[in-house]
Amino acid sequence: KIVFLKPVQLPFDAEKVTDRELCHDISSEIQEDMQKKINREIK
């Protein structure tokens, strides 16, 4: 089963690309949301 979730549009411009903490937080949030969806689907 393949599920395409709702698209995410980041509210940041290219100047924030060097903000490592911000990029880490966004990546972790997307990962957490995907893990929750995976867990629900598996259940």
PDB file of all heavy atoms in Angstrom:
ATOM      1  N   LYS A   1       0.853  -1.183   0.000  1.00  0.00           N
ATOM      2  CA  LYS A   1       0.000   0.000   0.000  1.00  0.00           C
ATOM      3  C   LYS A   1       0.892   1.238   0.000  1.00  0.00           C
ATOM      4  O   LYS A   1       1.855   1.320   0.767  1.00  0.00           O
ATOM      5  CB  LYS A   1      -0.912   0.026   1.235  1.00  0.00           C
ATOM      6  CG  LYS A   1      -1.877   1.217   1.257  1.00  0.00           C
ATOM      7  CD  LYS A   1      -2.823   1.143   2.463  1.00  0.00           C
ATOM      8  CE  LYS A   1      -3.812   2.290   2.458  1.00  0.00           C
ATOM      9  NZ  LYS A   1      -4.753   2.222   3.615  1.00  0.00           N
ATOM     10  N   ILE A   2       0.573   2.184  -0.871  1.00  0.00           N
ATOM     11  CA  ILE A   2       1.300   3.451  -0.944  1.00  0.00           C
ATOM     12  C   ILE A   2       0.331   4.579  -0.638  1.00  0.00           C
ATOM     13  O   ILE A   2      -0.753   4.659  -1.236  1.00  0.00           O
ATOM     14  CB  ILE A   2       1.934   3.662  -2.329  1.00  0.00           C
ATOM     15  CG1 ILE A   2       2.962   2.559  -2.617  1.00  0.00           C
ATOM     16  CG2 ILE A   2       2.601   5.030  -2.420  1.00  0.00           C
ATOM     17  CD1 ILE A   2       3.560   2.627  -4.009  1.00  0.00           C
ATOM     18  N   VAL A   3       0.700   5.437   0.311  1.00  0.00           N
ATOM     19  CA  VAL A   3      -0.152   6.554   0.715  1.00  0.00           C
ATOM     20  C   VAL A   3       0.631   7.859   0.547  1.00  0.00           C
ATOM     21  O   VAL A   3       1.676   8.049   1.181  1.00  0.00           O
ATOM     22  CB  VAL A   3      -0.623   6.422   2.176  1.00  0.00           C
ATOM     23  CG1 VAL A   3      -1.568   7.567   2.525  1.00  0.00           C
ATOM     24  CG2 VAL A   3      -1.291   5.071   2.413  1.00  0.00           C
ATOM     25  N   PHE A   4       0.129   8.744  -0.303  1.00  0.00           N
ATOM     26  CA  PHE A   4       0.718  10.068  -0.469  1.00  0.00           C
ATOM     27  C   PHE A   4      -0.005  11.025   0.475  1.00  0.00           C
ATOM     28  O   PHE A   4      -1.218  11.245   0.343  1.00  0.00           O
ATOM     29  CB  PHE A   4       0.574  10.547  -1.919  1.00  0.00           C
ATOM     30  CG  PHE A   4       1.289   9.675  -2.915  1.00  0.00           C
ATOM     31  CD1 PHE A   4       0.588   8.711  -3.636  1.00  0.00           C
ATOM     32  CD2 PHE A   4       2.652   9.805  -3.124  1.00  0.00           C
ATOM     33  CE1 PHE A   4       1.238   7.901  -4.554  1.00  0.00           C
ATOM     34  CE2 PHE A   4       3.316   8.988  -4.041  1.00  0.00           C
ATOM     35  CZ  PHE A   4       2.606   8.034  -4.760  1.00  0.00           C
ATOM     36  N   LEU A   5       0.715  11.580   1.441  1.00  0.00           N
ATOM     37  CA  LEU A   5       0.121  12.473   2.428  1.00  0.00           C
ATOM     38  C   LEU A   5       0.039  13.902   1.881  1.00  0.00           C
ATOM     39  O   LEU A   5       0.565  14.201   0.800  1.00  0.00           O
ATOM     40  CB  LEU A   5       0.938  12.434   3.722  1.00  0.00           C
ATOM     41  CG  LEU A   5       1.161  11.035   4.313  1.00  0.00           C
ATOM     42  CD1 LEU A   5       1.975  11.129   5.605  1.00  0.00           C
ATOM     43  CD2 LEU A   5      -0.159  10.326   4.563  1.00  0.00           C
ATOM     44  N   LYS A   6      -0.605  14.768   2.620  1.00  0.00           N
ATOM     45  CA  LYS A   6      -0.781  16.149   2.170  1.00  0.00           C
ATOM     46  C   LYS A   6       0.572  16.850   2.044  1.00  0.00           C
ATOM     47  O   LYS A   6       1.456  16.671   2.885  1.00  0.00           O
ATOM     48  CB  LYS A   6      -1.690  16.901   3.142  1.00  0.00           C
ATOM     49  CG  LYS A   6      -3.135  16.420   3.120  1.00  0.00           C
ATOM     50  CD  LYS A   6      -4.012  17.264   4.039  1.00  0.00           C
ATOM     51  CE  LYS A   6      -5.459  16.790   3.984  1.00  0.00           C
ATOM     52  NZ  LYS A   6      -6.351  17.594   4.873  1.00  0.00           N
ATOM     53  N   PRO A   7       0.741  17.646   0.989  1.00  0.00           N
ATOM     54  CA  PRO A   7       2.022  18.320   0.774  1.00  0.00           C
ATOM     55  C   PRO A   7       2.334  19.350   1.855  1.00  0.00           C
ATOM     56  O   PRO A   7       1.435  19.964   2.427  1.00  0.00           O
ATOM     57  CB  PRO A   7       1.844  18.987  -0.598  1.00  0.00           C
ATOM     58  CG  PRO A   7       0.367  19.131  -0.767  1.00  0.00           C
ATOM     59  CD  PRO A   7      -0.251  17.956  -0.065  1.00  0.00           C
ATOM     60  N   VAL A   8       3.618  19.497   2.118  1.00  0.00           N
ATOM     61  CA  VAL A   8       4.103  20.459   3.105  1.00  0.00           C
ATOM     62  C   VAL A   8       4.809  21.597   2.369  1.00  0.00           C
ATOM     63  O   VAL A   8       5.749  21.356   1.613  1.00  0.00           O
ATOM     64  CB  VAL A   8       5.076  19.798   4.095  1.00  0.00           C
ATOM     65  CG1 VAL A   8       5.637  20.824   5.074  1.00  0.00           C
ATOM     66  CG2 VAL A   8       4.393  18.649   4.836  1.00  0.00           C
ATOM     67  N   GLN A   9       4.360  22.813   2.596  1.00  0.00           N
ATOM     68  CA  GLN A   9       5.012  23.999   2.043  1.00  0.00           C
ATOM     69  C   GLN A   9       5.726  24.722   3.184  1.00  0.00           C
ATOM     70  O   GLN A   9       5.082  25.239   4.104  1.00  0.00           O
ATOM     71  CB  GLN A   9       3.994  24.927   1.392  1.00  0.00           C
ATOM     72  CG  GLN A   9       4.607  26.178   0.775  1.00  0.00           C
ATOM     73  CD  GLN A   9       5.359  25.886  -0.505  1.00  0.00           C
ATOM     74  OE1 GLN A   9       4.764  25.535  -1.519  1.00  0.00           O
ATOM     75  NE2 GLN A   9       6.671  26.030  -0.467  1.00  0.00           N
ATOM     76  N   LEU A  10       7.026  24.737   3.148  1.00  0.00           N
ATOM     77  CA  LEU A  10       7.794  25.349   4.241  1.00  0.00           C
ATOM     78  C   LEU A  10       7.714  26.870   4.159  1.00  0.00           C
ATOM     79  O   LEU A  10       7.942  27.452   3.094  1.00  0.00           O
ATOM     80  CB  LEU A  10       9.256  24.907   4.177  1.00  0.00           C
ATOM     81  CG  LEU A  10       9.508  23.398   4.297  1.00  0.00           C
ATOM     82  CD1 LEU A  10      11.001  23.111   4.212  1.00  0.00           C
ATOM     83  CD2 LEU A  10       8.932  22.845   5.591  1.00  0.00           C
ATOM     84  N   PRO A  11       7.406  27.541   5.283  1.00  0.00           N
ATOM     85  CA  PRO A  11       7.271  29.007   5.294  1.00  0.00           C
ATOM     86  C   PRO A  11       8.607  29.717   5.522  1.00  0.00           C
ATOM     87  O   PRO A  11       8.685  30.676   6.281  1.00  0.00           O
ATOM     88  CB  PRO A  11       6.310  29.251   6.457  1.00  0.00           C
ATOM     89  CG  PRO A  11       6.643  28.166   7.430  1.00  0.00           C
ATOM     90  CD  PRO A  11       7.026  26.961   6.593  1.00  0.00           C
ATOM     91  N   PHE A  12       9.659  29.196   4.865  1.00  0.00           N
ATOM     92  CA  PHE A  12      10.984  29.785   5.044  1.00  0.00           C
ATOM     93  C   PHE A  12      11.633  29.970   3.681  1.00  0.00           C
ATOM     94  O   PHE A  12      11.412  29.181   2.761  1.00  0.00           O
ATOM     95  CB  PHE A  12      11.868  28.881   5.918  1.00  0.00           C
ATOM     96  CG  PHE A  12      11.264  28.537   7.248  1.00  0.00           C
ATOM     97  CD1 PHE A  12      10.688  27.297   7.468  1.00  0.00           C
ATOM     98  CD2 PHE A  12      11.273  29.457   8.289  1.00  0.00           C
ATOM     99  CE1 PHE A  12      10.128  26.964   8.687  1.00  0.00           C
ATOM    100  CE2 PHE A  12      10.710  29.143   9.517  1.00  0.00           C
ATOM    101  CZ  PHE A  12      10.128  27.895   9.721  1.00  0.00           C
ATOM    102  N   ASP A  13      12.460  31.006   3.570  1.00  0.00           N
ATOM    103  CA  ASP A  13      13.146  31.234   2.305  1.00  0.00           C
ATOM    104  C   ASP A  13      14.536  30.616   2.339  1.00  0.00           C
ATOM    105  O   ASP A  13      14.948  29.997   3.324  1.00  0.00           O
ATOM    106  CB  ASP A  13      13.225  32.726   1.980  1.00  0.00           C
ATOM    107  CG  ASP A  13      13.874  33.537   3.100  1.00  0.00           C
ATOM    108  OD1 ASP A  13      14.736  32.983   3.809  1.00  0.00           O
ATOM    109  OD2 ASP A  13      13.502  34.719   3.270  1.00  0.00           O
ATOM    110  N   ALA A  14      15.267  30.804   1.240  1.00  0.00           N
ATOM    111  CA  ALA A  14      16.563  30.160   1.073  1.00  0.00           C
ATOM    112  C   ALA A  14      17.594  30.605   2.104  1.00  0.00           C
ATOM    113  O   ALA A  14      18.583  29.896   2.350  1.00  0.00           O
ATOM    114  CB  ALA A  14      17.091  30.432  -0.337  1.00  0.00           C
ATOM    115  N   GLU A  15      17.386  31.761   2.714  1.00  0.00           N
ATOM    116  CA  GLU A  15      18.358  32.250   3.700  1.00  0.00           C
ATOM    117  C   GLU A  15      18.432  31.348   4.935  1.00  0.00           C
ATOM    118  O   GLU A  15      19.442  31.345   5.649  1.00  0.00           O
ATOM    119  CB  GLU A  15      17.990  33.671   4.122  1.00  0.00           C
ATOM    120  CG  GLU A  15      18.119  34.704   3.003  1.00  0.00           C
ATOM    121  CD  GLU A  15      17.754  36.092   3.470  1.00  0.00           C
ATOM    122  OE1 GLU A  15      17.360  36.234   4.645  1.00  0.00           O
ATOM    123  OE2 GLU A  15      17.858  37.041   2.656  1.00  0.00           O
ATOM    124  N   LYS A  16      17.374  30.584   5.185  1.00  0.00           N
ATOM    125  CA  LYS A  16      17.322  29.720   6.361  1.00  0.00           C
ATOM    126  C   LYS A  16      17.991  28.360   6.128  1.00  0.00           C
ATOM    127  O   LYS A  16      18.027  27.524   7.021  1.00  0.00           O
ATOM    128  CB  LYS A  16      15.868  29.498   6.779  1.00  0.00           C
ATOM    129  CG  LYS A  16      15.174  30.754   7.304  1.00  0.00           C
ATOM    130  CD  LYS A  16      15.750  31.184   8.634  1.00  0.00           C
ATOM    131  CE  LYS A  16      14.979  32.341   9.226  1.00  0.00           C
ATOM    132  NZ  LYS A  16      15.529  32.760  10.549  1.00  0.00           N
ATOM    133  N   VAL A  17      18.511  28.146   4.922  1.00  0.00           N
ATOM    134  CA  VAL A  17      19.063  26.842   4.589  1.00  0.00           C
ATOM    135  C   VAL A  17      20.282  26.494   5.448  1.00  0.00           C
ATOM    136  O   VAL A  17      20.604  25.322   5.643  1.00  0.00           O
ATOM    137  CB  VAL A  17      19.416  26.774   3.085  1.00  0.00           C
ATOM    138  CG1 VAL A  17      20.663  27.590   2.780  1.00  0.00           C
ATOM    139  CG2 VAL A  17      19.593  25.336   2.630  1.00  0.00           C
ATOM    140  N   THR A  18      20.958  27.510   5.967  1.00  0.00           N
ATOM    141  CA  THR A  18      22.145  27.267   6.799  1.00  0.00           C
ATOM    142  C   THR A  18      21.804  27.133   8.294  1.00  0.00           C
ATOM    143  O   THR A  18      22.698  26.892   9.101  1.00  0.00           O
ATOM    144  CB  THR A  18      23.159  28.415   6.625  1.00  0.00           C
ATOM    145  OG1 THR A  18      22.540  29.652   6.956  1.00  0.00           O
ATOM    146  CG2 THR A  18      23.676  28.456   5.186  1.00  0.00           C
ATOM    147  N   ASP A  19      20.536  27.277   8.640  1.00  0.00           N
ATOM    148  CA  ASP A  19      20.106  27.135  10.035  1.00  0.00           C
ATOM    149  C   ASP A  19      19.942  25.643  10.338  1.00  0.00           C
ATOM    150  O   ASP A  19      18.887  25.052  10.103  1.00  0.00           O
ATOM    151  CB  ASP A  19      18.786  27.882  10.247  1.00  0.00           C
ATOM    152  CG  ASP A  19      18.391  27.970  11.723  1.00  0.00           C
ATOM    153  OD1 ASP A  19      18.774  27.073  12.498  1.00  0.00           O
ATOM    154  OD2 ASP A  19      17.686  28.940  12.085  1.00  0.00           O
ATOM    155  N   ARG A  20      20.979  25.042  10.866  1.00  0.00           N
ATOM    156  CA  ARG A  20      21.000  23.595  11.078  1.00  0.00           C
ATOM    157  C   ARG A  20      19.936  23.144  12.075  1.00  0.00           C
ATOM    158  O   ARG A  20      19.303  22.099  11.896  1.00  0.00           O
ATOM    159  CB  ARG A  20      22.385  23.168  11.553  1.00  0.00           C
ATOM    160  CG  ARG A  20      23.497  23.464  10.555  1.00  0.00           C
ATOM    161  CD  ARG A  20      24.852  23.015  11.065  1.00  0.00           C
ATOM    162  NE  ARG A  20      24.901  21.581  11.277  1.00  0.00           N
ATOM    163  CZ  ARG A  20      25.985  20.932  11.725  1.00  0.00           C
ATOM    164  NH1 ARG A  20      27.076  21.613  12.038  1.00  0.00           N
ATOM    165  NH2 ARG A  20      25.956  19.624  11.892  1.00  0.00           N
ATOM    166  N   GLU A  21      19.736  23.936  13.114  1.00  0.00           N
ATOM    167  CA  GLU A  21      18.735  23.567  14.123  1.00  0.00           C
ATOM    168  C   GLU A  21      17.330  23.576  13.534  1.00  0.00           C
ATOM    169  O   GLU A  21      16.531  22.669  13.793  1.00  0.00           O
ATOM    170  CB  GLU A  21      18.821  24.523  15.306  1.00  0.00           C
ATOM    171  CG  GLU A  21      17.886  24.139  16.457  1.00  0.00           C
ATOM    172  CD  GLU A  21      18.039  25.026  17.672  1.00  0.00           C
ATOM    173  OE1 GLU A  21      18.975  25.869  17.698  1.00  0.00           O
ATOM    174  OE2 GLU A  21      17.234  24.883  18.617  1.00  0.00           O
ATOM    175  N   LEU A  22      17.029  24.587  12.725  1.00  0.00           N
ATOM    176  CA  LEU A  22      15.715  24.676  12.091  1.00  0.00           C
ATOM    177  C   LEU A  22      15.494  23.500  11.145  1.00  0.00           C
ATOM    178  O   LEU A  22      14.427  22.869  11.166  1.00  0.00           O
ATOM    179  CB  LEU A  22      15.576  25.998  11.341  1.00  0.00           C
ATOM    180  CG  LEU A  22      14.288  26.190  10.541  1.00  0.00           C
ATOM    181  CD1 LEU A  22      13.073  26.178  11.469  1.00  0.00           C
ATOM    182  CD2 LEU A  22      14.336  27.490   9.736  1.00  0.00           C
ATOM    183  N   CYS A  23      16.486  23.213  10.318  1.00  0.00           N
ATOM    184  CA  CYS A  23      16.367  22.107   9.371  1.00  0.00           C
ATOM    185  C   CYS A  23      16.180  20.778  10.106  1.00  0.00           C
ATOM    186  O   CYS A  23      15.394  19.928   9.682  1.00  0.00           O
ATOM    187  CB  CYS A  23      17.599  22.043   8.473  1.00  0.00           C
ATOM    188  SG  CYS A  23      17.743  23.424   7.320  1.00  0.00           S
ATOM    189  N   HIS A  24      16.893  20.624  11.215  1.00  0.00           N
ATOM    190  CA  HIS A  24      16.756  19.407  12.017  1.00  0.00           C
ATOM    191  C   HIS A  24      15.357  19.283  12.610  1.00  0.00           C
ATOM    192  O   HIS A  24      14.738  18.211  12.581  1.00  0.00           O
ATOM    193  CB  HIS A  24      17.802  19.402  13.133  1.00  0.00           C
ATOM    194  CG  HIS A  24      17.750  18.197  14.012  1.00  0.00           C
ATOM    195  ND1 HIS A  24      16.909  18.115  15.115  1.00  0.00           N
ATOM    196  CD2 HIS A  24      18.396  17.003  13.951  1.00  0.00           C
ATOM    197  CE1 HIS A  24      17.050  16.937  15.682  1.00  0.00           C
ATOM    198  NE2 HIS A  24      17.947  16.250  15.014  1.00  0.00           N
ATOM    199  N   ASP A  25      14.830  20.391  13.113  1.00  0.00           N
ATOM    200  CA  ASP A  25      13.493  20.373  13.723  1.00  0.00           C
ATOM    201  C   ASP A  25      12.418  20.038  12.687  1.00  0.00           C
ATOM    202  O   ASP A  25      11.493  19.265  12.968  1.00  0.00           O
ATOM    203  CB  ASP A  25      13.195  21.734  14.372  1.00  0.00           C
ATOM    204  CG  ASP A  25      14.016  21.973  15.634  1.00  0.00           C
ATOM    205  OD1 ASP A  25      14.584  21.000  16.161  1.00  0.00           O
ATOM    206  OD2 ASP A  25      14.092  23.138  16.078  1.00  0.00           O
ATOM    207  N   ILE A  26      12.532  20.623  11.501  1.00  0.00           N
ATOM    208  CA  ILE A  26      11.545  20.361  10.436  1.00  0.00           C
ATOM    209  C   ILE A  26      11.614  18.900  10.011  1.00  0.00           C
ATOM    210  O   ILE A  26      10.586  18.220   9.875  1.00  0.00           O
ATOM    211  CB  ILE A  26      11.788  21.278   9.229  1.00  0.00           C
ATOM    212  CG1 ILE A  26      11.527  22.733   9.614  1.00  0.00           C
ATOM    213  CG2 ILE A  26      10.902  20.868   8.056  1.00  0.00           C
ATOM    214  CD1 ILE A  26      11.941  23.733   8.550  1.00  0.00           C
ATOM    215  N   SER A  27      12.836  18.409   9.800  1.00  0.00           N
ATOM    216  CA  SER A  27      13.024  17.021   9.402  1.00  0.00           C
ATOM    217  C   SER A  27      12.462  16.066  10.448  1.00  0.00           C
ATOM    218  O   SER A  27      11.764  15.098  10.117  1.00  0.00           O
ATOM    219  CB  SER A  27      14.517  16.745   9.189  1.00  0.00           C
ATOM    220  OG  SER A  27      14.755  15.381   8.938  1.00  0.00           O
ATOM    221  N   SER A  28      12.727  16.351  11.715  1.00  0.00           N
ATOM    222  CA  SER A  28      12.248  15.492  12.807  1.00  0.00           C
ATOM    223  C   SER A  28      10.725  15.507  12.906  1.00  0.00           C
ATOM    224  O   SER A  28      10.089  14.478  13.181  1.00  0.00           O
ATOM    225  CB  SER A  28      12.860  15.940  14.141  1.00  0.00           C
ATOM    226  OG  SER A  28      14.261  15.808  14.125  1.00  0.00           O
ATOM    227  N   GLU A  29      10.129  16.673  12.662  1.00  0.00           N
ATOM    228  CA  GLU A  29       8.665  16.780  12.730  1.00  0.00           C
ATOM    229  C   GLU A  29       8.008  15.977  11.614  1.00  0.00           C
ATOM    230  O   GLU A  29       7.009  15.276  11.843  1.00  0.00           O
ATOM    231  CB  GLU A  29       8.251  18.250  12.636  1.00  0.00           C
ATOM    232  CG  GLU A  29       6.756  18.455  12.789  1.00  0.00           C
ATOM    233  CD  GLU A  29       6.355  19.918  12.792  1.00  0.00           C
ATOM    234  OE1 GLU A  29       7.256  20.784  12.886  1.00  0.00           O
ATOM    235  OE2 GLU A  29       5.137  20.209  12.699  1.00  0.00           O
ATOM    236  N   ILE A  30       8.573  16.056  10.405  1.00  0.00           N
ATOM    237  CA  ILE A  30       8.033  15.286   9.280  1.00  0.00           C
ATOM    238  C   ILE A  30       8.199  13.789   9.546  1.00  0.00           C
ATOM    239  O   ILE A  30       7.285  12.993   9.295  1.00  0.00           O
ATOM    240  CB  ILE A  30       8.716  15.694   7.967  1.00  0.00           C
ATOM    241  CG1 ILE A  30       8.317  17.130   7.594  1.00  0.00           C
ATOM    242  CG2 ILE A  30       8.335  14.736   6.836  1.00  0.00           C
ATOM    243  CD1 ILE A  30       9.043  17.681   6.378  1.00  0.00           C
ATOM    244  N   GLN A  31       9.355  13.411  10.082  1.00  0.00           N
ATOM    245  CA  GLN A  31       9.593  12.007  10.406  1.00  0.00           C
ATOM    246  C   GLN A  31       8.606  11.514  11.457  1.00  0.00           C
ATOM    247  O   GLN A  31       8.052  10.408  11.337  1.00  0.00           O
ATOM    248  CB  GLN A  31      11.026  11.818  10.913  1.00  0.00           C
ATOM    249  CG  GLN A  31      11.328  10.384  11.326  1.00  0.00           C
ATOM    250  CD  GLN A  31      12.761  10.195  11.792  1.00  0.00           C
ATOM    251  OE1 GLN A  31      13.625  11.024  11.515  1.00  0.00           O
ATOM    252  NE2 GLN A  31      13.029   9.108  12.495  1.00  0.00           N
ATOM    253  N   GLU A  32       8.369  12.315  12.473  1.00  0.00           N
ATOM    254  CA  GLU A  32       7.431  11.932  13.531  1.00  0.00           C
ATOM    255  C   GLU A  32       6.014  11.757  12.985  1.00  0.00           C
ATOM    256  O   GLU A  32       5.320  10.788  13.329  1.00  0.00           O
ATOM    257  CB  GLU A  32       7.436  12.987  14.633  1.00  0.00           C
ATOM    258  CG  GLU A  32       6.564  12.639  15.826  1.00  0.00           C
ATOM    259  CD  GLU A  32       6.616  13.690  16.931  1.00  0.00           C
ATOM    260  OE1 GLU A  32       7.506  14.559  16.883  1.00  0.00           O
ATOM    261  OE2 GLU A  32       5.760  13.634  17.841  1.00  0.00           O
ATOM    262  N   ASP A  33       5.586  12.668  12.131  1.00  0.00           N
ATOM    263  CA  ASP A  33       4.245  12.565  11.537  1.00  0.00           C
ATOM    264  C   ASP A  33       4.125  11.306  10.674  1.00  0.00           C
ATOM    265  O   ASP A  33       3.088  10.621  10.696  1.00  0.00           O
ATOM    266  CB  ASP A  33       3.945  13.807  10.695  1.00  0.00           C
ATOM    267  CG  ASP A  33       3.739  15.058  11.550  1.00  0.00           C
ATOM    268  OD1 ASP A  33       3.497  14.908  12.769  1.00  0.00           O
ATOM    269  OD2 ASP A  33       3.830  16.169  11.004  1.00  0.00           O
ATOM    270  N   MET A  34       5.173  11.005   9.910  1.00  0.00           N
ATOM    271  CA  MET A  34       5.151   9.812   9.067  1.00  0.00           C
ATOM    272  C   MET A  34       5.137   8.542   9.909  1.00  0.00           C
ATOM    273  O   MET A  34       4.438   7.573   9.577  1.00  0.00           O
ATOM    274  CB  MET A  34       6.356   9.819   8.120  1.00  0.00           C
ATOM    275  CG  MET A  34       6.254  10.845   7.002  1.00  0.00           C
ATOM    276  SD  MET A  34       7.727  10.897   5.945  1.00  0.00           S
ATOM    277  CE  MET A  34       7.750   9.231   5.271  1.00  0.00           C
ATOM    278  N   GLN A  35       5.889   8.542  11.004  1.00  0.00           N
ATOM    279  CA  GLN A  35       5.919   7.362  11.871  1.00  0.00           C
ATOM    280  C   GLN A  35       4.549   7.101  12.487  1.00  0.00           C
ATOM    281  O   GLN A  35       4.102   5.945  12.567  1.00  0.00           O
ATOM    282  CB  GLN A  35       6.962   7.543  12.979  1.00  0.00           C
ATOM    283  CG  GLN A  35       7.162   6.320  13.854  1.00  0.00           C
ATOM    284  CD  GLN A  35       7.792   5.164  13.109  1.00  0.00           C
ATOM    285  OE1 GLN A  35       8.952   5.214  12.738  1.00  0.00           O
ATOM    286  NE2 GLN A  35       7.019   4.096  12.890  1.00  0.00           N
ATOM    287  N   LYS A  36       3.855   8.157  12.894  1.00  0.00           N
ATOM    288  CA  LYS A  36       2.512   8.004  13.447  1.00  0.00           C
ATOM    289  C   LYS A  36       1.561   7.418  12.404  1.00  0.00           C
ATOM    290  O   LYS A  36       0.737   6.549  12.713  1.00  0.00           O
ATOM    291  CB  LYS A  36       1.987   9.354  13.940  1.00  0.00           C
ATOM    292  CG  LYS A  36       2.678   9.873  15.193  1.00  0.00           C
ATOM    293  CD  LYS A  36       2.126  11.239  15.591  1.00  0.00           C
ATOM    294  CE  LYS A  36       2.805  11.763  16.849  1.00  0.00           C
ATOM    295  NZ  LYS A  36       2.324  13.130  17.212  1.00  0.00           N
ATOM    296  N   LYS A  37       1.676   7.894  11.168  1.00  0.00           N
ATOM    297  CA  LYS A  37       0.826   7.386  10.092  1.00  0.00           C
ATOM    298  C   LYS A  37       1.145   5.921   9.798  1.00  0.00           C
ATOM    299  O   LYS A  37       0.235   5.101   9.605  1.00  0.00           O
ATOM    300  CB  LYS A  37       1.025   8.235   8.832  1.00  0.00           C
ATOM    301  CG  LYS A  37       0.229   7.761   7.622  1.00  0.00           C
ATOM    302  CD  LYS A  37      -1.273   7.850   7.851  1.00  0.00           C
ATOM    303  CE  LYS A  37      -2.035   7.490   6.583  1.00  0.00           C
ATOM    304  NZ  LYS A  37      -3.509   7.470   6.802  1.00  0.00           N
ATOM    305  N   ILE A  38       2.421   5.573   9.774  1.00  0.00           N
ATOM    306  CA  ILE A  38       2.822   4.181   9.563  1.00  0.00           C
ATOM    307  C   ILE A  38       2.252   3.290  10.660  1.00  0.00           C
ATOM    308  O   ILE A  38       1.695   2.211  10.384  1.00  0.00           O
ATOM    309  CB  ILE A  38       4.361   4.061   9.526  1.00  0.00           C
ATOM    310  CG1 ILE A  38       4.905   4.657   8.232  1.00  0.00           C
ATOM    311  CG2 ILE A  38       4.796   2.598   9.647  1.00  0.00           C
ATOM    312  CD1 ILE A  38       6.420   4.711   8.165  1.00  0.00           C
ATOM    313  N   ASN A  39       2.369   3.729  11.900  1.00  0.00           N
ATOM    314  CA  ASN A  39       1.869   2.931  13.023  1.00  0.00           C
ATOM    315  C   ASN A  39       0.365   2.691  12.914  1.00  0.00           C
ATOM    316  O   ASN A  39      -0.121   1.582  13.187  1.00  0.00           O
ATOM    317  CB  ASN A  39       2.179   3.636  14.349  1.00  0.00           C
ATOM    318  CG  ASN A  39       3.673   3.717  14.639  1.00  0.00           C
ATOM    319  OD1 ASN A  39       4.465   3.003  14.031  1.00  0.00           O
ATOM    320  ND2 ASN A  39       4.057   4.591  15.551  1.00  0.00           N
ATOM    321  N   ARG A  40      -0.386   3.725  12.507  1.00  0.00           N
ATOM    322  CA  ARG A  40      -1.843   3.572  12.348  1.00  0.00           C
ATOM    323  C   ARG A  40      -2.168   2.597  11.218  1.00  0.00           C
ATOM    324  O   ARG A  40      -3.054   1.740  11.355  1.00  0.00           O
ATOM    325  CB  ARG A  40      -2.494   4.934  12.077  1.00  0.00           C
ATOM    326  CG  ARG A  40      -2.515   5.863  13.285  1.00  0.00           C
ATOM    327  CD  ARG A  40      -3.484   7.011  13.074  1.00  0.00           C
ATOM    328  NE  ARG A  40      -3.081   7.861  11.958  1.00  0.00           N
ATOM    329  CZ  ARG A  40      -2.312   8.939  12.077  1.00  0.00           C
ATOM    330  NH1 ARG A  40      -1.840   9.301  13.267  1.00  0.00           N
ATOM    331  NH2 ARG A  40      -2.000   9.674  11.017  1.00  0.00           N
ATOM    332  N   GLU A  41      -1.453   2.723  10.112  1.00  0.00           N
ATOM    333  CA  GLU A  41      -1.706   1.847   8.970  1.00  0.00           C
ATOM    334  C   GLU A  41      -1.387   0.391   9.314  1.00  0.00           C
ATOM    335  O   GLU A  41      -2.140  -0.513   8.950  1.00  0.00           O
ATOM    336  CB  GLU A  41      -0.872   2.297   7.768  1.00  0.00           C
ATOM    337  CG  GLU A  41      -1.328   3.617   7.140  1.00  0.00           C
ATOM    338  CD  GLU A  41      -2.616   3.469   6.350  1.00  0.00           C
ATOM    339  OE1 GLU A  41      -2.982   2.325   6.010  1.00  0.00           O
ATOM    340  OE2 GLU A  41      -3.258   4.501   6.074  1.00  0.00           O
ATOM    341  N   ILE A  42      -0.271   0.169   9.996  1.00  0.00           N
ATOM    342  CA  ILE A  42       0.122  -1.188  10.375  1.00  0.00           C
ATOM    343  C   ILE A  42      -0.908  -1.804  11.320  1.00  0.00           C
ATOM    344  O   ILE A  42      -1.276  -2.981  11.195  1.00  0.00           O
ATOM    345  CB  ILE A  42       1.516  -1.179  11.042  1.00  0.00           C
ATOM    346  CG1 ILE A  42       2.597  -0.788  10.030  1.00  0.00           C
ATOM    347  CG2 ILE A  42       1.826  -2.548  11.643  1.00  0.00           C
ATOM    348  CD1 ILE A  42       2.749  -1.742   8.880  1.00  0.00           C
ATOM    349  N   LYS A  43      -1.393  -1.008  12.253  1.00  0.00           N
ATOM    350  CA  LYS A  43      -2.395  -1.491  13.214  1.00  0.00           C
ATOM    351  C   LYS A  43      -3.683  -1.873  12.513  1.00  0.00           C
ATOM    352  O   LYS A  43      -4.320  -2.889  12.844  1.00  0.00           O
ATOM    353  CB  LYS A  43      -2.656  -0.416  14.263  1.00  0.00           C
ATOM    354  CG  LYS A  43      -3.642  -0.832  15.339  1.00  0.00           C
ATOM    355  CD  LYS A  43      -3.840   0.270  16.368  1.00  0.00           C
ATOM    356  CE  LYS A  43      -4.834  -0.159  17.436  1.00  0.00           C
ATOM    357  NZ  LYS A  43      -5.035   0.924  18.459  1.00  0.00           N
TER     358      LYS A  43
END
